[in-house]
């Protein structure tokens, strides 16, 4: 598919350009705001209640500027990673943001010292009672800070440490291409091809490219995790997981319940993998010779054989068709959701064209100034691209539901960040399943299970892998051979007999960008949380109908001001036991049972 009619985004309503007066004025306002914020933090010593009110008011303004500038710096770079000017701009904004971090450190320390006075603050200014959770959270965070001088030094060094290693990984991956000039992202996209030989060939070339660059990639991951361990120790975190749970606003009890539930249901997902392998072999849709050993890694995303090139899932979709389909699904949930999706497409919020220098995958970035978003995808015309679009628009819809909230509440945890996106996916997929039969139904069931198994089984694999990496890195330096061995162990523990041991992917550690972010340890279990929480919300929507839309929007608007447990309790769920998570998985167990029956019939 060519890039004809596949859009690039329009950024004019954010900034006309990096060189524009509007951009420079915003940068200046950000720098001035940081100075005001630092001054307001210092005043807490003298007049706590009034100074705290002033600080929070200024902070909301500064956070809106910070988030907008950082998002803009990243998105323009992410679609043109070889642009030195864009890279230098990231460094510029990073340097300014250090001042914000320093002001925050000072504020957090002084807030902690005066925590006993918060009750009198709420009495004097009751309009700030909604800040109670986030302020108490910052008091707790104060116990995980080094001295101001050490935190400043750590921030300075991270720019040429963890952040630099992260960018190096991104640059390596985005610039890789094989001897036929096929980019790494294009090779990855071949995993969805109906051509079994192409899937295997691209899988082999992908691994070959990663192996050729394994020394640099392993150095990136080794040093990022080493830096994290060092800083965590100085900040009184027992483990990286403890830090991640705190930032996710999730209790260890809830995570244990979630992991236990997935582990208890691995058997049925392994049956699904084997059934798919059986079907692909039966229909001649694979070149794998695995026999009864399970599914080949390069067949995980293989489409099932269909009635022809115009069938629902196997045809090449135009971007216009994708637009119309997604809007219709959003309309089916609520008028507000449908109108929002329409706005996203019509106002040029999406960059979907695949091109050299652009990062892989997809994301949504939100901009408090103007309360708008931008979405990056790599659209190839596969139906999976439509699901990706629906997912990312779900993120943007989540942000739209928070309009009018203080900017401090825009930083909801990763766990809850996946709620709206996964809920949007669920609406699309369940609509497809309900309106299909025969071979199409089997295809659609498999498409849903393909995604769900990634979010549950592969996410569990990533969780196992990252946990083992931190444990081993605490003992010694790690190289590519070590990372491959740990990935093999994680795949065996999660996929088990469902994945052919001779046709796996021991270099997946080099592919997933989340491993390489110094600030995103364990960026895996939040996806499983979001998948099953969204399943629970969807089942409630099925019971309550259109009236649920208002409840749902209110739920999304509150995600930045309370813990996961409190938010879910507010929605009527107890997420601290495996029983809740098993209810979500039950929907997918039924799909797997039906899929296996259809395969064997």
Protein backbone atom coordinates (compact mmCIF):
# COMPACT_ATOMS: atom_id res chain seq x y z
CA UNK A 1 0.00 0.00 0.00
CA UNK A 2 1.25 3.47 -0.85
CA UNK A 3 0.98 6.45 1.44
CA UNK A 4 -1.54 8.09 -0.92
CA UNK A 5 -4.53 9.44 1.04
CA UNK A 6 -3.03 8.27 4.34
CA UNK A 7 -2.76 11.42 6.46
CA UNK A 8 0.03 13.25 8.14
CA UNK A 9 -1.11 15.23 11.14
CA UNK A 10 -1.78 18.94 11.29
CA UNK A 11 0.05 20.56 14.20
CA UNK A 12 -0.88 24.19 13.45
CA UNK A 13 -3.32 24.47 16.35
CA UNK A 14 -0.52 23.43 18.71
CA UNK A 15 2.40 25.38 17.23
CA UNK A 16 2.92 26.63 13.65
CA UNK A 17 6.50 25.33 13.79
CA UNK A 18 9.49 24.86 16.04
CA UNK A 19 10.76 28.27 14.91
CA UNK A 20 7.50 30.11 15.46
CA UNK A 21 7.03 33.00 17.85
CA UNK A 22 4.20 31.06 19.52
CA UNK A 23 6.57 28.23 20.36
CA UNK A 24 9.27 30.53 21.74
CA UNK A 25 6.70 32.46 23.79
CA UNK A 26 5.49 29.20 25.31
CA UNK A 27 9.03 28.12 26.13
CA UNK A 28 9.62 31.48 27.81
CA UNK A 29 6.36 31.20 29.75
CA UNK A 30 7.43 27.74 30.89
CA UNK A 31 10.81 29.01 32.13
CA UNK A 32 9.16 31.97 33.90
CA UNK A 33 6.56 29.66 35.44
CA UNK A 34 9.24 27.39 36.87
CA UNK A 35 10.86 30.37 38.60
CA UNK A 36 7.49 31.42 40.06
CA UNK A 37 6.87 27.87 41.18
CA UNK A 38 10.23 27.66 42.91
CA UNK A 39 9.53 30.92 44.71
CA UNK A 40 6.09 29.71 45.79
CA UNK A 41 7.61 26.50 47.15
CA UNK A 42 10.07 28.51 49.26
CA UNK A 43 7.18 30.50 50.76
CA UNK A 44 5.66 27.37 52.28
CA UNK A 45 7.97 27.82 55.26
CA UNK A 46 6.40 31.16 56.17
CA UNK A 47 2.69 30.91 55.33
CA UNK A 48 1.80 27.30 54.60
CA UNK A 49 -1.93 27.51 53.78
CA UNK A 50 -1.84 30.56 51.51
CA UNK A 51 1.43 29.56 49.88
CA UNK A 52 0.15 26.04 49.18
CA UNK A 53 -2.88 27.49 47.42
CA UNK A 54 -0.63 29.74 45.33
CA UNK A 55 1.72 26.87 44.54
CA UNK A 56 -1.07 24.60 43.29
CA UNK A 57 -2.54 27.32 41.11
CA UNK A 58 0.84 28.08 39.52
CA UNK A 59 1.67 24.39 39.24
CA UNK A 60 -1.43 23.68 37.16
CA UNK A 61 -0.41 26.40 34.71
CA UNK A 62 3.20 25.20 34.54
CA UNK A 63 2.24 21.54 34.15
CA UNK A 64 0.01 22.44 31.20
CA UNK A 65 2.97 24.20 29.56
CA UNK A 66 5.39 21.40 30.42
CA UNK A 67 3.22 18.61 29.13
CA UNK A 68 2.45 20.49 25.92
CA UNK A 69 6.10 21.32 25.21
CA UNK A 70 7.38 17.84 26.03
CA UNK A 71 4.67 16.19 23.94
CA UNK A 72 5.35 18.47 20.98
CA UNK A 73 9.10 17.91 21.20
CA UNK A 74 8.61 14.15 21.17
CA UNK A 75 6.00 13.83 18.43
CA UNK A 76 7.87 15.88 15.84
CA UNK A 77 11.02 13.89 16.58
CA UNK A 78 9.25 10.51 16.53
CA UNK A 79 8.24 10.89 12.88
CA UNK A 80 11.69 12.16 11.85
CA UNK A 81 14.27 10.58 14.17
CA UNK A 82 17.23 11.61 11.99
CA UNK A 83 16.42 15.32 12.35
CA UNK A 84 19.19 16.81 14.51
CA UNK A 85 17.21 19.99 15.11
CA UNK A 86 14.34 18.00 16.62
CA UNK A 87 16.75 15.97 18.73
CA UNK A 88 18.41 19.11 20.04
CA UNK A 89 15.00 20.52 20.91
CA UNK A 90 14.26 17.49 23.07
CA UNK A 91 17.49 18.17 24.93
CA UNK A 92 16.49 21.81 25.34
CA UNK A 93 13.09 20.97 26.81
CA UNK A 94 14.63 18.24 28.97
CA UNK A 95 17.02 20.80 30.43
CA UNK A 96 14.20 23.21 31.21
CA UNK A 97 12.14 20.42 32.73
CA UNK A 98 14.94 19.76 35.19
CA UNK A 99 14.05 23.09 36.80
CA UNK A 100 10.45 21.90 37.20
CA UNK A 101 11.68 18.70 38.81
CA UNK A 102 13.83 20.69 41.21
CA UNK A 103 10.90 22.89 42.21
CA UNK A 104 8.80 19.78 42.71
CA UNK A 105 11.48 18.19 44.89
CA UNK A 106 11.64 21.27 47.07
CA UNK A 107 7.86 21.44 47.30
CA UNK A 108 7.52 17.74 48.12
CA UNK A 109 10.10 18.01 50.90
CA UNK A 110 8.44 21.08 52.47
CA UNK A 111 4.98 19.56 52.03
CA UNK A 112 6.14 16.47 53.88
CA UNK A 113 7.55 18.57 56.70
CA UNK A 114 4.19 20.33 57.04
CA UNK A 115 1.90 17.38 56.37
CA UNK A 116 0.16 17.84 59.72
CA UNK A 117 -1.14 21.20 58.48
CA UNK A 118 -2.96 19.81 55.45
CA UNK A 119 -6.20 19.39 57.38
CA UNK A 120 -6.27 23.09 58.24
CA UNK A 121 -5.51 23.88 54.58
CA UNK A 122 -8.58 21.96 53.40
CA UNK A 123 -10.73 23.72 55.98
CA UNK A 124 -9.51 27.13 54.83
CA UNK A 125 -9.72 26.26 51.13
CA UNK A 126 -12.34 23.47 50.75
CA UNK A 127 -12.14 23.74 46.95
CA UNK A 128 -8.79 21.92 47.20
CA UNK A 129 -10.14 18.86 49.04
CA UNK A 130 -10.11 16.98 45.72
CA UNK A 131 -6.30 17.28 45.83
CA UNK A 132 -6.06 15.25 49.05
CA UNK A 133 -5.04 11.97 47.38
CA UNK A 134 -2.35 13.46 45.17
CA UNK A 135 -0.95 15.58 47.99
CA UNK A 136 -0.78 12.63 50.39
CA UNK A 137 0.88 10.67 47.59
CA UNK A 138 3.56 13.34 47.34
CA UNK A 139 4.12 13.20 51.08
CA UNK A 140 4.82 9.49 50.70
CA UNK A 141 7.06 10.19 47.71
CA UNK A 142 9.18 12.47 49.90
CA UNK A 143 10.42 9.38 51.70
CA UNK A 144 11.84 8.19 48.38
CA UNK A 145 13.93 11.22 47.53
CA UNK A 146 17.63 11.83 47.81
CA UNK A 147 18.88 15.21 48.89
CA UNK A 148 18.09 18.16 46.62
CA UNK A 149 21.71 18.28 45.41
CA UNK A 150 21.74 14.54 44.66
CA UNK A 151 18.42 14.66 42.83
CA UNK A 152 19.68 17.55 40.71
CA UNK A 153 22.85 15.68 39.88
CA UNK A 154 20.86 12.54 39.03
CA UNK A 155 18.64 14.57 36.70
CA UNK A 156 21.63 16.17 35.00
CA UNK A 157 23.36 12.83 34.52
CA UNK A 158 20.25 11.06 33.27
CA UNK A 159 20.21 13.29 30.20
CA UNK A 160 23.49 11.73 29.07
CA UNK A 161 22.76 8.44 30.80
CA UNK A 162 19.44 6.63 30.73
CA UNK A 163 17.71 9.10 28.42
CA UNK A 164 20.60 8.98 25.94
CA UNK A 165 20.65 5.16 25.97
CA UNK A 166 16.89 5.18 25.35
CA UNK A 167 17.29 7.45 22.32
CA UNK A 168 20.15 5.35 20.98
CA UNK A 169 17.93 2.27 21.07
CA UNK A 170 15.17 4.17 19.27
CA UNK A 171 17.58 5.44 16.61
CA UNK A 172 19.05 1.98 16.00
CA UNK A 173 15.66 0.31 15.60
CA UNK A 174 14.16 3.07 13.43
CA UNK A 175 17.16 3.05 11.05
CA UNK A 176 17.44 -0.73 10.52
CA UNK A 177 16.72 -2.18 7.08
CA UNK A 178 17.55 -5.45 5.34
CA UNK A 179 19.43 -6.05 2.08
CA UNK A 180 16.23 -5.38 0.12
CA UNK A 181 15.86 -1.94 1.77
CA UNK A 182 12.91 -3.14 3.80
CA UNK A 183 12.74 -1.22 7.07
CA UNK A 184 12.59 -2.95 10.42
CA UNK A 185 9.02 -1.72 10.92
CA UNK A 186 8.01 -3.15 7.56
CA UNK A 187 9.53 -6.50 8.50
CA UNK A 188 7.56 -6.41 11.76
CA UNK A 189 4.36 -5.67 9.84
CA UNK A 190 4.91 -8.78 7.71
CA UNK A 191 3.91 -10.81 10.78
CA UNK A 192 0.31 -10.07 9.76
CA UNK A 193 0.74 -11.26 6.16
CA UNK A 194 -1.32 -14.24 4.90
CA UNK A 195 1.85 -15.47 3.16
CA UNK A 196 3.45 -18.04 5.46
CA UNK A 197 6.80 -17.97 3.67
CA UNK A 198 6.96 -14.18 3.92
CA UNK A 199 6.15 -14.28 7.64
CA UNK A 200 8.96 -16.71 8.30
CA UNK A 201 11.42 -14.92 6.02
CA UNK A 202 10.76 -11.55 7.68
CA UNK A 203 11.00 -13.16 11.14
CA UNK A 204 14.41 -14.56 10.22
CA UNK A 205 15.60 -11.20 8.82
CA UNK A 206 14.31 -9.35 11.85
CA UNK A 207 16.28 -11.61 14.18
CA UNK A 208 19.33 -11.31 11.92
CA UNK A 209 19.22 -7.50 12.08
CA UNK A 210 18.85 -7.57 15.85
CA UNK A 211 21.68 -10.06 16.21
CA UNK A 212 23.94 -7.83 14.11
CA UNK A 213 23.24 -4.96 16.51
CA UNK A 214 23.00 -6.98 19.72
CA UNK A 215 26.09 -5.47 21.38
CA UNK A 216 24.79 -1.90 21.19
CA UNK A 217 21.21 -2.89 22.04
CA UNK A 218 22.33 -4.94 25.03
CA UNK A 219 24.52 -2.07 26.24
CA UNK A 220 21.47 0.23 26.15
CA UNK A 221 19.34 -2.12 28.20
CA UNK A 222 22.11 -3.12 30.60
CA UNK A 223 23.02 0.47 31.43
CA UNK A 224 19.44 1.72 31.73
CA UNK A 225 18.56 -1.03 34.20
CA UNK A 226 21.85 -0.53 36.04
CA UNK A 227 21.11 3.18 36.45
CA UNK A 228 17.62 2.38 37.71
CA UNK A 229 18.93 -0.05 40.32
CA UNK A 230 21.47 2.48 41.58
CA UNK A 231 18.96 5.30 41.88
CA UNK A 232 16.29 3.06 43.42
CA UNK A 233 18.70 2.02 46.13
CA UNK A 234 19.52 5.62 46.95
CA UNK A 235 15.82 6.49 46.98
CA UNK A 236 14.85 3.73 49.40
CA UNK A 237 12.94 1.55 46.97
CA UNK A 238 13.34 -2.12 47.80
CA UNK A 239 12.76 -3.15 44.19
CA UNK A 240 11.91 -1.61 40.84
CA UNK A 241 8.53 -3.34 41.10
CA UNK A 242 7.76 -1.54 44.35
CA UNK A 243 8.47 1.76 42.66
CA UNK A 244 6.32 0.77 39.68
CA UNK A 245 3.38 -0.20 41.88
CA UNK A 246 3.57 3.14 43.65
CA UNK A 247 3.58 5.06 40.38
CA UNK A 248 0.75 2.84 39.13
CA UNK A 249 -1.31 3.62 42.27
CA UNK A 250 -1.79 -0.10 42.66
CA UNK A 251 -1.33 -2.33 45.71
CA UNK A 252 0.87 -5.42 45.67
CA UNK A 253 -2.18 -7.45 46.72
CA UNK A 254 -4.04 -6.38 43.59
CA UNK A 255 -1.10 -7.16 41.32
CA UNK A 256 -0.73 -10.60 42.88
CA UNK A 257 -4.44 -11.23 42.29
CA UNK A 258 -4.09 -10.15 38.65
CA UNK A 259 -0.99 -12.28 37.97
CA UNK A 260 -2.49 -15.29 39.76
CA UNK A 261 -5.63 -15.08 37.65
CA UNK A 262 -3.66 -14.99 34.39
CA UNK A 263 -1.43 -17.87 35.48
CA UNK A 264 -4.46 -19.97 36.46
CA UNK A 265 -5.87 -19.51 32.95
CA UNK A 266 -2.71 -20.13 30.92
CA UNK A 267 -3.89 -23.63 30.06
CA UNK A 268 -6.79 -22.43 27.93
CA UNK A 269 -4.66 -19.88 26.09
CA UNK A 270 -2.10 -22.59 25.31
CA UNK A 271 -4.96 -24.67 23.88
CA UNK A 272 -5.83 -21.70 21.69
CA UNK A 273 -2.24 -21.43 20.37
CA UNK A 274 -2.18 -25.14 19.57
CA UNK A 275 -5.58 -24.99 17.89
CA UNK A 276 -4.41 -22.13 15.70
CA UNK A 277 -1.26 -24.06 14.77
CA UNK A 278 -3.47 -27.02 13.89
CA UNK A 279 -5.70 -24.91 11.67
CA UNK A 280 -2.82 -23.16 9.88
CA UNK A 281 -1.24 -26.52 9.11
CA UNK A 282 -4.56 -28.02 7.98
CA UNK A 283 -5.18 -25.18 5.54
CA UNK A 284 -1.58 -24.94 4.30
CA UNK A 285 -1.26 -21.40 5.67
CA UNK A 286 2.07 -22.00 7.41
CA UNK A 287 5.54 -23.22 6.45
CA UNK A 288 6.20 -24.33 10.03
CA UNK A 289 7.11 -27.99 10.46
CA UNK A 290 6.41 -27.88 14.19
CA UNK A 291 3.89 -30.71 14.17
CA UNK A 292 2.41 -30.98 17.65
CA UNK A 293 4.96 -28.64 19.24
CA UNK A 294 2.74 -25.58 19.23
CA UNK A 295 2.54 -22.35 17.24
CA UNK A 296 5.59 -20.84 15.54
CA UNK A 297 6.37 -17.33 16.78
CA UNK A 298 6.05 -15.92 13.26
CA UNK A 299 2.52 -17.37 13.09
CA UNK A 300 1.23 -15.63 16.22
CA UNK A 301 -0.39 -12.89 14.12
CA UNK A 302 -1.07 -14.97 11.03
CA UNK A 303 -4.55 -14.36 9.59
CA UNK A 304 -6.73 -17.40 9.01
CA UNK A 305 -7.61 -18.38 5.45
CA UNK A 306 -10.67 -16.57 4.20
CA UNK A 307 -13.21 -16.46 1.41
CA UNK A 308 -11.13 -14.06 -0.65
CA UNK A 309 -9.44 -10.72 -0.82
CA UNK A 310 -12.68 -8.84 -0.03
CA UNK A 311 -13.45 -10.66 3.21
CA UNK A 312 -13.82 -8.50 6.26
CA UNK A 313 -10.45 -9.20 7.88
CA UNK A 314 -8.15 -10.06 5.02
CA UNK A 315 -8.92 -7.25 2.59
CA UNK A 316 -6.77 -4.13 2.37
CA UNK A 317 -8.63 -1.29 4.01
CA UNK A 318 -8.33 2.26 2.79
CA UNK A 319 -7.85 4.91 5.42
CA UNK A 320 -11.24 6.37 4.52
CA UNK A 321 -12.91 3.02 5.18
CA UNK A 322 -11.10 2.76 8.50
CA UNK A 323 -12.33 6.23 9.43
CA UNK A 324 -15.96 5.44 8.68
CA UNK A 325 -15.88 2.11 10.49
CA UNK A 326 -14.33 3.51 13.67
CA UNK A 327 -16.70 6.47 13.82
CA UNK A 328 -19.67 4.11 13.46
CA UNK A 329 -18.45 2.02 16.38
CA UNK A 330 -17.91 5.07 18.57
CA UNK A 331 -21.36 6.33 17.59
CA UNK A 332 -22.84 3.01 18.72
CA UNK A 333 -21.62 3.69 22.26
CA UNK A 334 -22.65 7.32 22.61
CA UNK A 335 -23.21 10.48 20.59
CA UNK A 336 -20.42 12.23 22.47
CA UNK A 337 -17.93 9.45 21.68
CA UNK A 338 -18.93 9.42 18.01
CA UNK A 339 -18.62 13.18 17.66
CA UNK A 340 -15.20 13.05 19.28
CA UNK A 341 -13.93 10.35 16.90
CA UNK A 342 -15.22 12.40 13.98
CA UNK A 343 -13.29 15.42 15.27
CA UNK A 344 -10.06 13.43 15.55
CA UNK A 345 -10.21 12.48 11.87
CA UNK A 346 -11.60 15.72 10.49
CA UNK A 347 -9.22 18.07 12.30
CA UNK A 348 -6.02 16.24 11.30
CA UNK A 349 -5.04 14.75 14.64
CA UNK A 350 -3.57 11.56 13.12
CA UNK A 351 -0.21 10.82 11.48
CA UNK A 352 -0.65 7.40 9.87
CA UNK A 353 1.74 7.20 6.89
CA UNK A 354 4.62 4.72 7.13
CA UNK A 355 7.97 6.28 6.19
CA UNK A 356 11.69 6.02 6.86
CA UNK A 357 12.86 7.65 10.06
CA UNK A 358 9.49 7.28 11.74
CA UNK A 359 9.30 5.17 14.89
CA UNK A 360 7.26 1.98 14.89
CA UNK A 361 4.13 1.20 16.83
CA UNK A 362 1.55 3.76 17.81
CA UNK A 363 0.81 6.25 20.56
CA UNK A 364 -1.43 9.08 21.67
CA UNK A 365 0.02 12.32 23.06
CA UNK A 366 -2.19 14.83 24.87
CA UNK A 367 -1.77 18.62 24.90
CA UNK A 368 -3.32 20.54 27.81
CA UNK A 369 -2.99 23.83 25.92
CA UNK A 370 -6.12 23.82 23.80
CA UNK A 371 -7.04 20.44 25.35
CA UNK A 372 -6.30 18.42 22.22
CA UNK A 373 -4.41 15.27 21.27
CA UNK A 374 -2.33 13.81 18.45
CA UNK A 375 -2.14 10.18 17.40
CA UNK A 376 0.73 8.44 15.63
CA UNK A 377 0.22 5.09 13.88
CA UNK A 378 1.75 3.19 10.97
CA UNK A 379 -1.23 2.40 8.75
CA UNK A 380 -0.77 -0.40 6.20
CA UNK A 381 -4.37 -1.31 5.47
CA UNK A 382 -4.53 -4.39 7.72
CA UNK A 383 -7.55 -4.71 9.95
CA UNK A 384 -5.20 -4.68 12.95
CA UNK A 385 -4.46 -1.06 12.03
CA UNK A 386 -8.14 -0.23 12.54
CA UNK A 387 -8.02 -1.74 16.03
CA UNK A 388 -4.88 0.29 16.72
CA UNK A 389 -6.61 3.48 15.62
CA UNK A 390 -9.65 2.71 17.78
CA UNK A 391 -7.29 2.04 20.69
CA UNK A 392 -5.35 5.29 20.38
CA UNK A 393 -8.50 7.36 19.83
CA UNK A 394 -9.71 5.77 23.07
CA UNK A 395 -6.72 7.32 24.84
CA UNK A 396 -7.56 10.69 23.35
CA UNK A 397 -11.22 10.29 24.35
CA UNK A 398 -10.07 9.59 27.91
CA UNK A 399 -8.21 12.90 27.91
CA UNK A 400 -11.23 14.71 26.46
CA UNK A 401 -13.32 13.51 29.41
CA UNK A 402 -10.90 15.32 31.73
CA UNK A 403 -11.41 18.72 30.15
CA UNK A 404 -11.84 21.35 32.86
CA UNK A 405 -9.88 19.31 35.41
CA UNK A 406 -6.68 20.73 36.94
CA UNK A 407 -3.57 19.78 34.96
CA UNK A 408 -2.24 18.02 38.05
CA UNK A 409 -4.92 15.35 37.50
CA UNK A 410 -3.90 14.63 33.92
CA UNK A 411 -1.14 12.32 35.13
CA UNK A 412 -3.27 9.25 35.78
CA UNK A 413 -1.35 5.98 36.32
CA UNK A 414 -0.45 3.56 33.54
CA UNK A 415 -2.90 0.99 34.87
CA UNK A 416 -5.90 3.27 34.38
CA UNK A 417 -4.42 4.82 31.24
CA UNK A 418 -5.30 1.64 29.30
CA UNK A 419 -8.96 1.60 30.35
CA UNK A 420 -10.52 3.77 27.62
CA UNK A 421 -8.29 2.48 24.83
CA UNK A 422 -9.02 -1.16 25.60
CA UNK A 423 -12.72 -0.47 26.14
CA UNK A 424 -12.83 1.05 22.64
CA UNK A 425 -11.17 -2.06 21.21
CA UNK A 426 -13.65 -4.28 23.03
CA UNK A 427 -16.63 -2.43 21.57
CA UNK A 428 -15.22 -2.86 18.05
CA UNK A 429 -14.38 -6.54 18.41
CA UNK A 430 -17.52 -7.60 20.22
CA UNK A 431 -19.64 -5.85 17.61
CA UNK A 432 -17.83 -7.83 14.93
CA UNK A 433 -18.34 -11.13 16.76
CA UNK A 434 -22.04 -10.50 17.37
CA UNK A 435 -22.66 -9.72 13.71
CA UNK A 436 -20.79 -12.64 12.13
CA UNK A 437 -21.26 -16.34 11.49
CA UNK A 438 -19.51 -19.31 9.95
CA UNK A 439 -15.97 -18.84 8.69
CA UNK A 440 -16.10 -15.09 9.30
CA UNK A 441 -17.03 -15.70 12.94
CA UNK A 442 -14.06 -18.00 13.41
CA UNK A 443 -11.78 -15.39 11.88
CA UNK A 444 -13.11 -12.63 14.09
CA UNK A 445 -12.91 -14.78 17.22
CA UNK A 446 -9.31 -15.56 16.37
CA UNK A 447 -8.53 -11.92 15.75
CA UNK A 448 -9.85 -10.99 19.19
CA UNK A 449 -8.05 -13.89 20.86
CA UNK A 450 -4.86 -12.97 19.05
CA UNK A 451 -4.89 -9.57 20.72
CA UNK A 452 -6.09 -10.79 24.11
CA UNK A 453 -3.43 -13.47 24.27
CA UNK A 454 -0.80 -10.83 23.62
CA UNK A 455 -2.15 -8.58 26.35
CA UNK A 456 -2.40 -11.41 28.88
CA UNK A 457 0.10 -14.13 27.94
CA UNK A 458 2.78 -12.01 26.27
CA UNK A 459 2.44 -9.31 28.90
CA UNK A 460 2.99 -11.99 31.54
CA UNK A 461 6.08 -13.04 29.59
CA UNK A 462 7.37 -9.46 29.61
CA UNK A 463 6.65 -9.19 33.33
CA UNK A 464 8.63 -12.37 34.02
CA UNK A 465 11.46 -11.16 31.80
CA UNK A 466 11.81 -7.69 33.31
CA UNK A 467 11.59 -9.06 36.85
CA UNK A 468 14.42 -11.51 36.10
CA UNK A 469 16.49 -8.78 34.41
CA UNK A 470 16.41 -6.61 37.52
CA UNK A 471 17.29 -9.59 39.71
CA UNK A 472 20.24 -10.61 37.54
CA UNK A 473 21.41 -7.04 36.87
CA UNK A 474 21.68 -6.49 40.63
CA UNK A 475 24.31 -9.24 40.65
CA UNK A 476 26.36 -8.41 37.54
CA UNK A 477 26.55 -6.76 34.12
CA UNK A 478 24.38 -8.38 31.45
CA UNK A 479 25.12 -8.93 27.76
CA UNK A 480 23.08 -10.02 24.75
CA UNK A 481 23.54 -13.70 25.54
CA UNK A 482 22.17 -13.13 29.04
CA UNK A 483 19.14 -11.24 27.77
CA UNK A 484 18.39 -13.95 25.21
CA UNK A 485 18.57 -16.63 27.90
CA UNK A 486 16.22 -14.70 30.18
CA UNK A 487 13.78 -14.13 27.32
CA UNK A 488 13.78 -17.85 26.51
CA UNK A 489 12.95 -18.65 30.13
CA UNK A 490 10.15 -16.09 30.23
CA UNK A 491 8.62 -17.40 26.99
CA UNK A 492 8.72 -20.96 28.27
CA UNK A 493 7.12 -20.01 31.59
CA UNK A 494 4.28 -18.08 29.95
CA UNK A 495 3.67 -19.61 26.52
CA UNK A 496 4.80 -23.12 27.46
CA UNK A 497 3.62 -25.81 25.06
CA UNK A 498 1.60 -23.22 23.15
CA UNK A 499 4.72 -21.89 21.40
CA UNK A 500 7.10 -24.07 19.41
CA UNK A 501 10.48 -24.02 21.23
CA UNK A 502 12.37 -24.22 17.93
CA UNK A 503 10.62 -21.21 16.39
CA UNK A 504 10.47 -18.59 19.13
CA UNK A 505 12.02 -15.10 19.32
CA UNK A 506 14.83 -14.83 21.84
CA UNK A 507 15.55 -11.22 20.78
CA UNK A 508 12.19 -9.78 21.81
CA UNK A 509 14.06 -7.95 24.56
CA UNK A 510 15.61 -5.78 21.84
CA UNK A 511 12.28 -4.93 20.18
CA UNK A 512 10.04 -3.62 22.94
CA UNK A 513 10.83 0.05 23.53
CA UNK A 514 9.22 0.06 26.98
CA UNK A 515 12.18 -1.84 28.43
CA UNK A 516 14.40 1.07 27.44
CA UNK A 517 12.64 3.90 29.26
CA UNK A 518 14.28 4.87 32.57
CA UNK A 519 10.91 6.09 33.87
CA UNK A 520 8.70 3.19 32.73
CA UNK A 521 9.81 0.08 34.62
CA UNK A 522 7.31 -2.76 34.29
CA UNK A 523 5.33 -1.10 31.55
CA UNK A 524 3.56 -4.41 31.04
CA UNK A 525 1.10 -5.41 33.76
CA UNK A 526 -0.89 -2.16 33.29
CA UNK A 527 -1.97 -3.50 29.90
CA UNK A 528 -3.29 -6.71 31.45
CA UNK A 529 -5.04 -4.61 34.09
CA UNK A 530 -6.60 -2.43 31.41
CA UNK A 531 -7.70 -5.41 29.30
CA UNK A 532 -9.57 -7.15 32.09
CA UNK A 533 -10.89 -3.97 33.71
CA UNK A 534 -12.25 -2.92 30.32
CA UNK A 535 -13.86 -6.36 29.95
CA UNK A 536 -15.62 -5.81 33.26
CA UNK A 537 -16.79 -2.35 32.20
CA UNK A 538 -18.00 -3.72 28.87
CA UNK A 539 -20.10 -6.39 30.55
CA UNK A 540 -21.69 -3.69 32.69
CA UNK A 541 -22.35 -1.62 29.55
CA UNK A 542 -24.09 -4.64 28.00
CA UNK A 543 -26.38 -4.81 31.03
CA UNK A 544 -27.10 -1.08 31.44
CA UNK A 545 -27.11 0.08 27.82
CA UNK A 546 -26.68 3.74 26.72
CA UNK A 547 -27.13 5.05 30.29
CA UNK A 548 -23.72 3.59 31.11
CA UNK A 549 -21.99 6.17 28.88
CA UNK A 550 -22.31 8.94 31.49
CA UNK A 551 -21.07 6.63 34.27
CA UNK A 552 -18.12 5.67 32.08
CA UNK A 553 -17.17 9.26 31.24
CA UNK A 554 -17.30 10.21 34.93
CA UNK A 555 -15.10 7.23 35.74
CA UNK A 556 -12.51 8.37 33.18
CA UNK A 557 -12.60 11.93 34.50
CA UNK A 558 -11.69 10.70 38.01
CA UNK A 559 -8.71 8.53 37.03
CA UNK A 560 -6.13 11.16 38.00
CA UNK A 561 -7.31 11.76 41.55
CA UNK A 562 -7.46 8.39 43.36
CA UNK A 563 -5.95 4.92 43.60
CA UNK A 564 -6.91 2.07 41.28
CA UNK A 565 -8.61 0.26 44.14
CA UNK A 566 -10.68 3.30 45.12
CA UNK A 567 -11.68 4.07 41.54
CA UNK A 568 -12.74 0.48 40.86
CA UNK A 569 -14.56 0.28 44.18
CA UNK A 570 -16.42 3.41 43.11
CA UNK A 571 -17.42 1.53 39.95
CA UNK A 572 -18.60 -1.43 42.00
CA UNK A 573 -15.60 -3.76 41.62
CA UNK A 574 -13.25 -5.36 44.16
CA UNK A 575 -10.00 -5.85 42.27
CA UNK A 576 -7.97 -7.22 45.18
CA UNK A 577 -8.96 -10.86 44.61
CA UNK A 578 -8.48 -13.19 41.62
CA UNK A 579 -12.27 -13.62 41.42
CA UNK A 580 -12.74 -10.22 39.78
CA UNK A 581 -10.06 -10.85 37.16
CA UNK A 582 -11.38 -14.36 36.47
CA UNK A 583 -14.74 -12.83 35.55
CA UNK A 584 -13.04 -10.81 32.83
CA UNK A 585 -11.10 -13.80 31.54
CA UNK A 586 -14.28 -15.90 31.48
CA UNK A 587 -15.47 -13.93 28.43
CA UNK A 588 -12.32 -14.95 26.57
CA UNK A 589 -12.42 -18.57 27.76
CA UNK A 590 -15.82 -18.88 26.06
CA UNK A 591 -14.37 -17.41 22.87
CA UNK A 592 -11.50 -19.91 22.96
CA UNK A 593 -13.87 -22.84 23.48
CA UNK A 594 -15.96 -21.75 20.51
CA UNK A 595 -12.86 -21.15 18.38
CA UNK A 596 -11.51 -24.64 19.08
CA UNK A 597 -14.90 -26.18 18.19
CA UNK A 598 -14.94 -24.30 14.88
CA UNK A 599 -11.35 -25.32 14.07
CA UNK A 600 -12.05 -28.99 14.70
CA UNK A 601 -15.41 -29.04 12.95
